[in-house]
Amino acid sequence: MSVFKIVFRNIFLKKGIRKITRRVAFPFLYKEIESDLSFIKLREFFCGELSSVKRVCYIRSDFWLKNNAPNGAVAHTEGVVNALVKLGYEVNIVSSYPLPYLKNYHSLCVCSPDGWTTGISELEEMEYNRQLFDLLEKSDEKPDLVYQRYGRNNYAGLLYARHIGVPFVLEYNGSEIWMSKNWAHPLRFESVTDEIERCVLAHADLVVGNAEAFRSELVSKGVEEKRILIVPNGVDPERFTPSISGKNVRQSLGIEEGEIIVSFIGSFGPWHGAETLAMTIPMVTAKNKRIRYLFIGRGVRLESVRKIVFMSGTSDRVIFTGFVDRDIVPEYLAASDILVSPQVPNPDGTPFFGSPTKLFEYMSMGKAIVASDLDQIGVLLSHEEDAILVPPGDANKLAEAILSLSEDSNLRKRLGDQARKVAMNKYSWDSHVRSILDYVIGNQE
């Protein structure tokens, strides 16, 4: 990093003069963005011959990725990359931050944000496009396909694909504008973010969504029906398997023989419903003293959950693990008897668009599941066949379901066995990736 750049940051960022920096930097950035988007819009969709795909460039441009705690985004990246490698593809990864949980790939290049606006989130995201594109363009290994998990304000993958003339697949997990408004805070440059988001969606050769709720949204944003593929998330059934023992985890956590463990794993996002699960603890433990709760992970709503537990006087029946390395997550799930996925509806009443990776991992472990009967979750699971479904946000019904399962080991086994079968037959990451590549190749014929 140059001395001038360091001085610039010290003066304009560390001393807090962010407003001036925004005013100075934004016009220059926007001019560059308009030029890049114009180039993209003038280019046709990929129309060359694509009889096969051998080399894939996988891009992650998320700026929050520096936290590699277990969460759905981490599981998704791991699942897709591992499946690509397993199926025989050469995977070259380019990421904004290290991905220590990935073990299998041809190459991994970390392109950390390093611009004039570093530290000013939206502007550094916009500026990062050119940094990332320049790095991609210098690569000697031209991919057959560019795959990008969409990150806010990022179009570098699409720009690169259009420059080298290969198909571009965009993984879409929801509107960044919607998520900012409903789960974080409104964006300062929302109109620009919207312009970028719509351009990338409308000009991708294929947009992959994980929930049917995305289809109408994508069409409304200019995506042609034939360029939309809805495919649920998945799991590696060889890694998340009932053969794994949870004995060591139970011993390390001081869980006694005969205690029934009710577990939740996640990043404690607003949509996860962990607070609803916490509300069931006094109701459940008052009726069954053998039950203990296990909350695995950390995130923005963890303190809220801790507060509910403390105020209810049930801290002695709860274990908070904090961060758990991704490699040993299956052991923690194996240590559990009942796994809960208590998602809650979107705050603005729009359809729930999640495809929780935890749900597929629960299923693959062959454990009894209690989940919210909420949009796609209620489609993936069948009530009383492979899970118990309850109304979302209803702590009373959730408590009843947990108690019912805690008292019937045969029911737990029956539901768990069936869930495992469904996961293996329908929801592996291998089949997820095959669906995407078959769709891309098929559409070129």
Protein backbone atom coordinates (compact mmCIF):
# COMPACT_ATOMS: atom_id res chain seq x y z
CA MET A 1 0.00 0.00 0.00
CA SER A 2 1.41 3.39 -1.00
CA VAL A 3 2.34 6.04 1.59
CA PHE A 4 -0.12 8.45 -0.07
CA LYS A 5 -2.97 5.96 0.30
CA ILE A 6 -2.15 5.41 3.98
CA VAL A 7 -2.09 9.18 4.59
CA PHE A 8 -5.40 9.53 2.71
CA ARG A 9 -7.05 6.96 4.94
CA ASN A 10 -5.67 8.52 8.12
CA ILE A 11 -6.90 11.97 7.17
CA PHE A 12 -10.26 11.16 5.63
CA LEU A 13 -11.30 7.98 7.43
CA LYS A 14 -9.67 7.63 10.83
CA LYS A 15 -10.42 11.25 11.67
CA GLY A 16 -14.05 10.60 10.79
CA ILE A 17 -14.49 12.90 7.79
CA ARG A 18 -16.50 10.25 5.97
CA LYS A 19 -19.07 12.66 4.57
CA ILE A 20 -16.38 14.55 2.66
CA THR A 21 -14.93 11.29 1.37
CA ARG A 22 -18.35 10.18 0.12
CA ARG A 23 -18.89 13.47 -1.69
CA VAL A 24 -15.46 13.39 -3.31
CA ALA A 25 -15.35 9.69 -4.22
CA PHE A 26 -18.90 8.93 -5.31
CA PRO A 27 -19.03 10.93 -8.58
CA PHE A 28 -15.86 9.26 -9.82
CA LEU A 29 -17.05 5.80 -8.81
CA TYR A 30 -20.47 6.27 -10.36
CA LYS A 31 -18.96 7.35 -13.68
CA GLU A 32 -16.94 4.12 -13.73
CA ILE A 33 -20.00 2.06 -12.76
CA GLU A 34 -22.10 3.57 -15.55
CA SER A 35 -19.36 2.80 -18.08
CA ASP A 36 -19.09 -0.83 -16.92
CA LEU A 37 -22.85 -1.41 -16.85
CA SER A 38 -23.19 0.12 -20.32
CA PHE A 39 -20.59 -2.34 -21.60
CA ILE A 40 -22.51 -5.25 -20.03
CA LYS A 41 -25.84 -4.12 -21.49
CA LEU A 42 -24.37 -3.88 -25.00
CA ARG A 43 -23.08 -7.46 -24.87
CA GLU A 44 -25.28 -10.40 -25.92
CA PHE A 45 -25.95 -13.39 -23.70
CA PHE A 46 -23.49 -16.23 -24.21
CA CYS A 47 -24.39 -17.94 -27.47
CA GLY A 48 -21.31 -19.99 -28.26
CA GLU A 49 -20.89 -23.75 -28.18
CA LEU A 50 -20.75 -25.29 -24.72
CA SER A 51 -20.79 -29.05 -24.99
CA SER A 52 -19.07 -29.45 -21.64
CA VAL A 53 -17.63 -27.53 -18.71
CA LYS A 54 -14.23 -28.41 -17.28
CA ARG A 55 -12.97 -25.30 -15.52
CA VAL A 56 -15.13 -23.12 -13.25
CA CYS A 57 -14.24 -19.73 -11.77
CA TYR A 58 -16.10 -19.42 -8.46
CA ILE A 59 -16.37 -15.87 -7.07
CA ARG A 60 -17.37 -14.62 -3.61
CA SER A 61 -17.36 -10.86 -3.12
CA ASP A 62 -19.14 -10.52 0.23
CA PHE A 63 -17.57 -7.96 2.54
CA TRP A 64 -18.93 -9.55 5.72
CA LEU A 65 -17.23 -12.83 4.86
CA LYS A 66 -14.35 -12.26 7.28
CA ASN A 67 -16.57 -13.97 9.89
CA ASN A 68 -16.36 -17.66 9.00
CA ALA A 69 -18.57 -18.89 11.82
CA PRO A 70 -21.01 -21.66 10.83
CA ASN A 71 -23.87 -20.16 8.83
CA GLY A 72 -25.87 -20.83 5.71
CA ALA A 73 -23.61 -18.83 3.41
CA VAL A 74 -20.53 -20.73 4.58
CA ALA A 75 -22.31 -24.07 4.19
CA HIS A 76 -23.52 -23.14 0.71
CA THR A 77 -20.09 -22.14 -0.57
CA GLU A 78 -18.53 -25.24 0.91
CA GLY A 79 -21.26 -27.46 -0.53
CA VAL A 80 -21.13 -26.08 -4.07
CA VAL A 81 -17.33 -25.99 -4.31
CA ASN A 82 -16.87 -29.47 -2.86
CA ALA A 83 -19.54 -30.87 -5.18
CA LEU A 84 -17.91 -29.27 -8.22
CA VAL A 85 -14.57 -30.83 -7.29
CA LYS A 86 -16.16 -34.20 -6.53
CA LEU A 87 -17.87 -34.19 -9.92
CA GLY A 88 -14.53 -33.66 -11.63
CA TYR A 89 -14.45 -29.93 -12.32
CA GLU A 90 -11.37 -27.75 -11.92
CA VAL A 91 -12.42 -24.99 -9.52
CA ASN A 92 -10.52 -21.71 -9.28
CA ILE A 93 -11.82 -19.58 -6.43
CA VAL A 94 -11.50 -15.83 -6.09
CA SER A 95 -12.73 -14.40 -2.80
CA SER A 96 -12.74 -11.08 -0.98
CA TYR A 97 -11.62 -12.81 2.23
CA PRO A 98 -9.95 -16.12 3.18
CA LEU A 99 -12.11 -19.24 3.13
CA PRO A 100 -10.33 -21.48 5.65
CA TYR A 101 -13.12 -24.05 5.71
CA LEU A 102 -12.57 -24.97 2.05
CA LYS A 103 -10.24 -27.91 1.55
CA ASN A 104 -10.77 -28.98 -2.08
CA TYR A 105 -10.09 -26.74 -5.07
CA HIS A 106 -7.56 -26.17 -7.85
CA SER A 107 -6.61 -22.66 -6.72
CA LEU A 108 -7.74 -20.03 -4.24
CA CYS A 109 -6.91 -16.36 -4.69
CA VAL A 110 -7.80 -13.91 -1.92
CA CYS A 111 -8.43 -10.42 -3.29
CA SER A 112 -8.88 -8.33 -0.15
CA PRO A 113 -10.49 -4.89 -0.58
CA ASP A 114 -7.75 -2.27 -0.88
CA GLY A 115 -9.03 1.00 -2.27
CA TRP A 116 -9.37 4.67 -1.47
CA THR A 117 -12.74 4.16 0.22
CA THR A 118 -11.94 1.14 2.38
CA GLY A 119 -13.99 1.42 5.56
CA ILE A 120 -16.98 3.14 3.93
CA SER A 121 -19.07 0.07 3.19
CA GLU A 122 -21.15 0.94 0.12
CA LEU A 123 -18.43 2.92 -1.62
CA GLU A 124 -15.74 0.32 -1.01
CA GLU A 125 -18.10 -2.32 -2.43
CA MET A 126 -18.53 -0.25 -5.58
CA GLU A 127 -14.83 0.51 -5.88
CA TYR A 128 -13.99 -3.17 -5.37
CA ASN A 129 -15.49 -4.06 -8.76
CA ARG A 130 -12.49 -2.74 -10.65
CA GLN A 131 -9.97 -4.27 -8.26
CA LEU A 132 -11.63 -7.67 -8.58
CA PHE A 133 -12.10 -7.40 -12.35
CA ASP A 134 -8.44 -6.43 -12.89
CA LEU A 135 -7.31 -9.47 -10.93
CA LEU A 136 -9.65 -11.81 -12.83
CA GLU A 137 -8.57 -10.43 -16.20
CA LYS A 138 -4.88 -11.09 -15.44
CA SER A 139 -5.49 -14.80 -14.90
CA ASP A 140 -3.76 -17.11 -17.37
CA GLU A 141 -6.40 -19.80 -16.86
CA LYS A 142 -9.56 -18.91 -18.75
CA PRO A 143 -12.61 -20.65 -17.25
CA ASP A 144 -15.41 -22.32 -19.20
CA LEU A 145 -17.92 -20.85 -16.77
CA VAL A 146 -18.03 -18.03 -14.23
CA TYR A 147 -20.15 -18.67 -11.14
CA GLN A 148 -20.70 -15.90 -8.59
CA ARG A 149 -22.59 -15.77 -5.33
CA TYR A 150 -24.08 -12.31 -5.61
CA GLY A 151 -22.61 -9.76 -3.25
CA ARG A 152 -24.02 -6.30 -2.77
CA ASN A 153 -22.96 -3.76 -5.43
CA ASN A 154 -20.81 -6.28 -7.26
CA TYR A 155 -20.89 -6.91 -10.99
CA ALA A 156 -17.23 -7.89 -11.53
CA GLY A 157 -17.99 -11.54 -12.32
CA LEU A 158 -20.47 -10.62 -15.04
CA LEU A 159 -18.12 -8.01 -16.49
CA TYR A 160 -15.31 -10.58 -16.60
CA ALA A 161 -17.51 -13.25 -18.22
CA ARG A 162 -18.61 -10.84 -20.93
CA HIS A 163 -15.02 -9.80 -21.65
CA ILE A 164 -13.81 -13.37 -22.12
CA GLY A 165 -17.00 -14.70 -23.73
CA VAL A 166 -18.14 -17.44 -21.33
CA PRO A 167 -21.48 -18.09 -19.57
CA PHE A 168 -22.17 -16.33 -16.29
CA VAL A 169 -24.19 -18.02 -13.54
CA LEU A 170 -25.43 -15.86 -10.69
CA GLU A 171 -26.40 -17.38 -7.35
CA TYR A 172 -29.14 -15.19 -5.90
CA ASN A 173 -30.11 -15.40 -2.24
CA GLY A 174 -32.35 -12.34 -2.02
CA SER A 175 -32.36 -8.63 -2.71
CA GLU A 176 -29.58 -6.82 -0.89
CA ILE A 177 -31.80 -3.73 -0.76
CA TRP A 178 -34.65 -5.65 0.88
CA MET A 179 -32.31 -7.27 3.40
CA SER A 180 -30.72 -3.94 4.28
CA LYS A 181 -34.11 -2.32 4.87
CA ASN A 182 -35.62 -5.17 6.85
CA TRP A 183 -32.70 -6.76 8.68
CA ALA A 184 -30.10 -4.01 8.94
CA HIS A 185 -30.35 -0.34 7.93
CA PRO A 186 -31.32 1.49 4.71
CA LEU A 187 -28.57 2.13 2.18
CA ARG A 188 -27.21 5.60 1.43
CA PHE A 189 -26.84 4.86 -2.28
CA GLU A 190 -29.88 2.63 -2.67
CA SER A 191 -30.69 3.76 -6.23
CA VAL A 192 -27.20 2.77 -7.42
CA THR A 193 -27.36 -0.55 -5.61
CA ASP A 194 -30.72 -1.17 -7.27
CA GLU A 195 -29.30 -0.29 -10.70
CA ILE A 196 -26.40 -2.71 -10.25
CA GLU A 197 -28.60 -5.47 -8.85
CA ARG A 198 -31.11 -5.23 -11.70
CA CYS A 199 -28.39 -5.15 -14.35
CA VAL A 200 -26.58 -8.21 -13.01
CA LEU A 201 -29.83 -10.15 -12.67
CA ALA A 202 -31.18 -9.23 -16.10
CA HIS A 203 -27.93 -9.98 -17.93
CA ALA A 204 -26.81 -13.19 -16.22
CA ASP A 205 -27.03 -16.24 -18.45
CA LEU A 206 -28.63 -18.09 -15.56
CA VAL A 207 -29.92 -16.91 -12.19
CA VAL A 208 -30.09 -19.67 -9.58
CA GLY A 209 -32.49 -19.11 -6.69
CA ASN A 210 -33.07 -21.50 -3.82
CA ALA A 211 -36.79 -20.80 -3.26
CA GLU A 212 -39.84 -20.62 -5.50
CA ALA A 213 -40.65 -17.24 -3.92
CA PHE A 214 -37.83 -15.76 -6.02
CA ARG A 215 -39.36 -16.57 -9.40
CA SER A 216 -41.93 -13.76 -9.60
CA GLU A 217 -39.48 -11.30 -8.04
CA LEU A 218 -36.82 -12.10 -10.63
CA VAL A 219 -39.26 -11.77 -13.52
CA SER A 220 -40.36 -8.38 -12.19
CA LYS A 221 -36.70 -7.30 -12.27
CA GLY A 222 -36.27 -8.15 -15.93
CA VAL A 223 -35.02 -11.74 -15.79
CA GLU A 224 -36.40 -13.94 -18.55
CA GLU A 225 -38.25 -17.03 -17.30
CA LYS A 226 -35.96 -19.33 -19.25
CA ARG A 227 -32.94 -17.91 -17.41
CA ILE A 228 -34.30 -18.73 -13.95
CA LEU A 229 -33.56 -21.99 -12.17
CA ILE A 230 -35.03 -22.69 -8.75
CA VAL A 231 -33.18 -25.43 -6.92
CA PRO A 232 -33.22 -25.92 -3.12
CA ASN A 233 -30.01 -25.94 -1.14
CA GLY A 234 -28.43 -29.23 -0.19
CA VAL A 235 -26.14 -31.26 2.03
CA ASP A 236 -23.20 -33.63 1.82
CA PRO A 237 -24.81 -36.88 3.06
CA GLU A 238 -21.42 -38.54 3.46
CA ARG A 239 -20.30 -35.86 5.90
CA PHE A 240 -23.57 -35.37 7.76
CA THR A 241 -24.41 -38.97 8.55
CA PRO A 242 -26.08 -40.86 11.43
CA SER A 243 -22.91 -42.96 11.81
CA ILE A 244 -21.14 -40.01 13.46
CA SER A 245 -20.89 -40.21 17.24
CA GLY A 246 -21.79 -37.32 19.48
CA LYS A 247 -20.43 -39.02 22.60
CA ASN A 248 -17.32 -36.85 22.91
CA VAL A 249 -19.30 -33.65 22.54
CA ARG A 250 -21.83 -34.74 25.17
CA GLN A 251 -19.00 -35.55 27.57
CA SER A 252 -17.19 -32.28 26.93
CA LEU A 253 -20.38 -30.29 27.55
CA GLY A 254 -21.20 -32.16 30.75
CA ILE A 255 -24.39 -33.71 29.39
CA GLU A 256 -25.55 -36.54 31.59
CA GLU A 257 -26.71 -39.97 30.46
CA GLY A 258 -30.42 -39.93 29.64
CA GLU A 259 -30.69 -36.18 29.09
CA ILE A 260 -32.53 -35.18 25.92
CA ILE A 261 -30.80 -32.44 23.95
CA VAL A 262 -32.79 -29.95 21.88
CA SER A 263 -30.47 -28.07 19.54
CA PHE A 264 -30.36 -25.08 17.23
CA ILE A 265 -27.40 -24.10 15.06
CA GLY A 266 -27.01 -20.88 13.11
CA SER A 267 -25.80 -17.32 12.88
CA PHE A 268 -28.70 -15.99 14.97
CA GLY A 269 -30.11 -13.80 12.23
CA PRO A 270 -33.45 -11.97 12.60
CA TRP A 271 -35.15 -14.60 10.42
CA HIS A 272 -33.93 -17.62 12.38
CA GLY A 273 -36.48 -17.43 15.18
CA ALA A 274 -33.98 -18.38 17.90
CA GLU A 275 -35.85 -16.09 20.32
CA THR A 276 -39.03 -18.11 19.75
CA LEU A 277 -37.14 -21.28 20.62
CA ALA A 278 -35.75 -19.63 23.77
CA MET A 279 -39.31 -18.80 24.87
CA THR A 280 -40.16 -22.51 24.93
CA ILE A 281 -37.49 -23.36 27.49
CA PRO A 282 -39.44 -22.63 30.70
CA MET A 283 -42.56 -24.34 29.31
CA VAL A 284 -40.68 -27.46 28.24
CA THR A 285 -38.28 -27.88 31.15
CA ALA A 286 -41.08 -27.40 33.70
CA LYS A 287 -42.70 -30.57 32.33
CA ASN A 288 -39.60 -32.60 31.49
CA LYS A 289 -36.54 -32.12 33.69
CA ARG A 290 -34.43 -34.35 31.43
CA ILE A 291 -34.42 -31.81 28.60
CA ARG A 292 -31.56 -29.39 27.98
CA TYR A 293 -31.14 -26.89 25.16
CA LEU A 294 -28.04 -26.42 23.03
CA PHE A 295 -27.53 -23.18 21.07
CA ILE A 296 -24.65 -23.57 18.61
CA GLY A 297 -23.04 -20.54 16.95
CA ARG A 298 -23.11 -16.79 17.40
CA GLY A 299 -24.60 -13.74 15.72
CA VAL A 300 -26.59 -10.53 16.05
CA ARG A 301 -29.53 -11.98 18.00
CA LEU A 302 -27.52 -14.17 20.35
CA GLU A 303 -27.60 -11.62 23.17
CA SER A 304 -31.36 -11.32 22.82
CA VAL A 305 -31.62 -15.11 23.23
CA ARG A 306 -29.32 -15.03 26.25
CA LYS A 307 -31.49 -12.34 27.82
CA ILE A 308 -34.68 -14.37 27.35
CA VAL A 309 -33.01 -17.38 28.96
CA PHE A 310 -31.67 -15.33 31.88
CA MET A 311 -35.00 -13.60 32.53
CA SER A 312 -36.84 -16.93 32.51
CA GLY A 313 -34.51 -18.36 35.13
CA THR A 314 -33.60 -21.37 33.01
CA SER A 315 -29.88 -20.77 32.49
CA ASP A 316 -29.07 -24.10 34.13
CA ARG A 317 -30.97 -25.91 31.34
CA VAL A 318 -29.15 -24.19 28.47
CA ILE A 319 -25.71 -24.48 26.90
CA PHE A 320 -24.36 -21.76 24.61
CA THR A 321 -21.40 -23.11 22.67
CA GLY A 322 -20.33 -19.95 20.86
CA PHE A 323 -18.27 -20.46 17.72
CA VAL A 324 -17.89 -24.08 16.63
CA ASP A 325 -15.46 -25.06 13.90
CA ARG A 326 -17.25 -26.18 10.75
CA ASP A 327 -15.34 -29.49 10.76
CA ILE A 328 -16.96 -30.65 14.01
CA VAL A 329 -20.50 -29.36 13.43
CA PRO A 330 -21.73 -32.90 12.56
CA GLU A 331 -20.56 -34.12 15.97
CA TYR A 332 -22.62 -31.44 17.72
CA LEU A 333 -25.69 -32.40 15.71
CA ALA A 334 -25.00 -36.07 16.51
CA ALA A 335 -24.95 -35.17 20.21
CA SER A 336 -28.54 -33.91 19.88
CA ASP A 337 -31.85 -35.73 20.07
CA ILE A 338 -34.14 -33.08 18.58
CA LEU A 339 -33.07 -30.45 16.05
CA VAL A 340 -35.07 -27.25 15.64
CA SER A 341 -35.44 -24.87 12.69
CA PRO A 342 -37.81 -22.18 14.06
CA GLN A 343 -37.74 -19.59 11.23
CA VAL A 344 -40.15 -16.65 11.46
CA PRO A 345 -42.02 -14.77 8.68
CA ASN A 346 -40.55 -11.76 6.92
CA PRO A 347 -41.33 -8.55 8.82
CA ASP A 348 -43.04 -6.90 5.84
CA GLY A 349 -45.31 -9.84 5.05
CA THR A 350 -43.53 -10.90 1.85
CA PRO A 351 -43.05 -14.64 1.25
CA PHE A 352 -40.26 -16.25 3.23
CA PHE A 353 -37.48 -16.93 0.72
CA GLY A 354 -35.06 -18.99 2.77
CA SER A 355 -33.82 -22.48 2.03
CA PRO A 356 -32.06 -23.12 5.35
CA THR A 357 -28.92 -25.19 4.92
CA LYS A 358 -29.27 -26.28 8.54
CA LEU A 359 -32.51 -28.02 7.61
CA PHE A 360 -30.80 -30.29 5.07
CA GLU A 361 -28.00 -31.03 7.53
CA TYR A 362 -30.58 -31.91 10.19
CA MET A 363 -32.31 -34.25 7.73
CA SER A 364 -29.08 -35.91 6.67
CA MET A 365 -28.12 -36.61 10.30
CA GLY A 366 -31.26 -38.73 10.68
CA LYS A 367 -32.49 -36.74 13.67
CA ALA A 368 -36.02 -35.77 14.69
CA ILE A 369 -36.81 -32.28 13.42
CA VAL A 370 -39.22 -29.58 14.52
CA ALA A 371 -39.53 -26.78 11.99
CA SER A 372 -41.71 -23.82 11.11
CA ASP A 373 -44.44 -24.53 8.56
CA LEU A 374 -43.34 -21.52 6.56
CA ASP A 375 -43.44 -21.27 2.75
CA GLN A 376 -40.68 -23.44 1.24
CA ILE A 377 -39.86 -25.13 4.57
CA GLY A 378 -43.36 -26.57 4.57
CA VAL A 379 -42.78 -27.88 1.05
CA LEU A 380 -39.41 -29.49 1.76
CA LEU A 381 -40.71 -31.29 4.84
CA SER A 382 -43.86 -33.39 5.33
CA HIS A 383 -45.66 -33.06 8.65
CA GLU A 384 -45.48 -36.24 10.76
CA GLU A 385 -43.63 -38.06 7.96
CA ASP A 386 -40.11 -36.65 8.22
CA ALA A 387 -40.62 -33.80 10.70
CA ILE A 388 -43.07 -32.05 12.97
CA LEU A 389 -44.20 -28.73 11.49
CA VAL A 390 -45.53 -25.93 13.69
CA PRO A 391 -46.92 -22.43 13.03
CA PRO A 392 -44.00 -19.98 12.71
CA GLY A 393 -43.42 -17.75 15.72
CA ASP A 394 -45.75 -19.80 17.96
CA ALA A 395 -43.73 -20.68 21.06
CA ASN A 396 -46.59 -22.67 22.61
CA LYS A 397 -46.99 -24.99 19.62
CA LEU A 398 -43.22 -25.30 19.32
CA ALA A 399 -43.00 -26.32 22.99
CA GLU A 400 -45.77 -28.90 22.51
CA ALA A 401 -43.92 -30.46 19.57
CA ILE A 402 -40.64 -30.65 21.48
CA LEU A 403 -42.34 -32.27 24.46
CA SER A 404 -44.14 -34.76 22.22
CA LEU A 405 -40.88 -35.86 20.62
CA SER A 406 -39.04 -35.95 23.93
CA GLU A 407 -41.51 -38.54 25.22
CA ASP A 408 -41.46 -40.83 22.17
CA SER A 409 -38.10 -42.26 21.09
CA ASN A 410 -39.75 -44.43 18.43
CA LEU A 411 -41.31 -41.37 16.81
CA ARG A 412 -37.97 -39.58 16.87
CA LYS A 413 -36.33 -42.52 15.10
CA ARG A 414 -39.09 -42.91 12.52
CA LEU A 415 -39.04 -39.25 11.57
CA GLY A 416 -35.24 -39.13 11.53
CA ASP A 417 -34.88 -42.22 9.35
CA GLN A 418 -37.34 -40.86 6.80
CA ALA A 419 -35.70 -37.42 6.79
CA ARG A 420 -32.35 -39.07 6.04
CA LYS A 421 -33.82 -40.96 3.09
CA VAL A 422 -35.34 -37.80 1.63
CA ALA A 423 -32.08 -35.87 2.01
CA MET A 424 -30.06 -38.59 0.29
CA ASN A 425 -32.53 -39.02 -2.57
CA LYS A 426 -33.33 -35.38 -3.31
CA TYR A 427 -31.09 -32.84 -1.62
CA SER A 428 -27.40 -33.61 -2.02
CA TRP A 429 -25.04 -30.84 -3.14
CA ASP A 430 -24.00 -33.13 -5.99
CA SER A 431 -27.52 -33.12 -7.43
CA HIS A 432 -27.79 -29.36 -6.78
CA VAL A 433 -24.68 -28.65 -8.85
CA ARG A 434 -25.64 -31.15 -11.58
CA SER A 435 -28.97 -29.36 -11.99
CA ILE A 436 -27.21 -26.05 -12.56
CA LEU A 437 -24.63 -27.33 -15.04
CA ASP A 438 -27.15 -29.46 -16.93
CA TYR A 439 -29.36 -26.39 -17.27
CA VAL A 440 -26.52 -24.21 -18.55
CA ILE A 441 -25.30 -26.76 -21.08
CA GLY A 442 -28.82 -27.76 -22.12
CA ASN A 443 -29.79 -24.18 -22.88
CA GLN A 444 -26.88 -23.84 -25.31
CA GLU A 445 -27.90 -26.82 -27.45
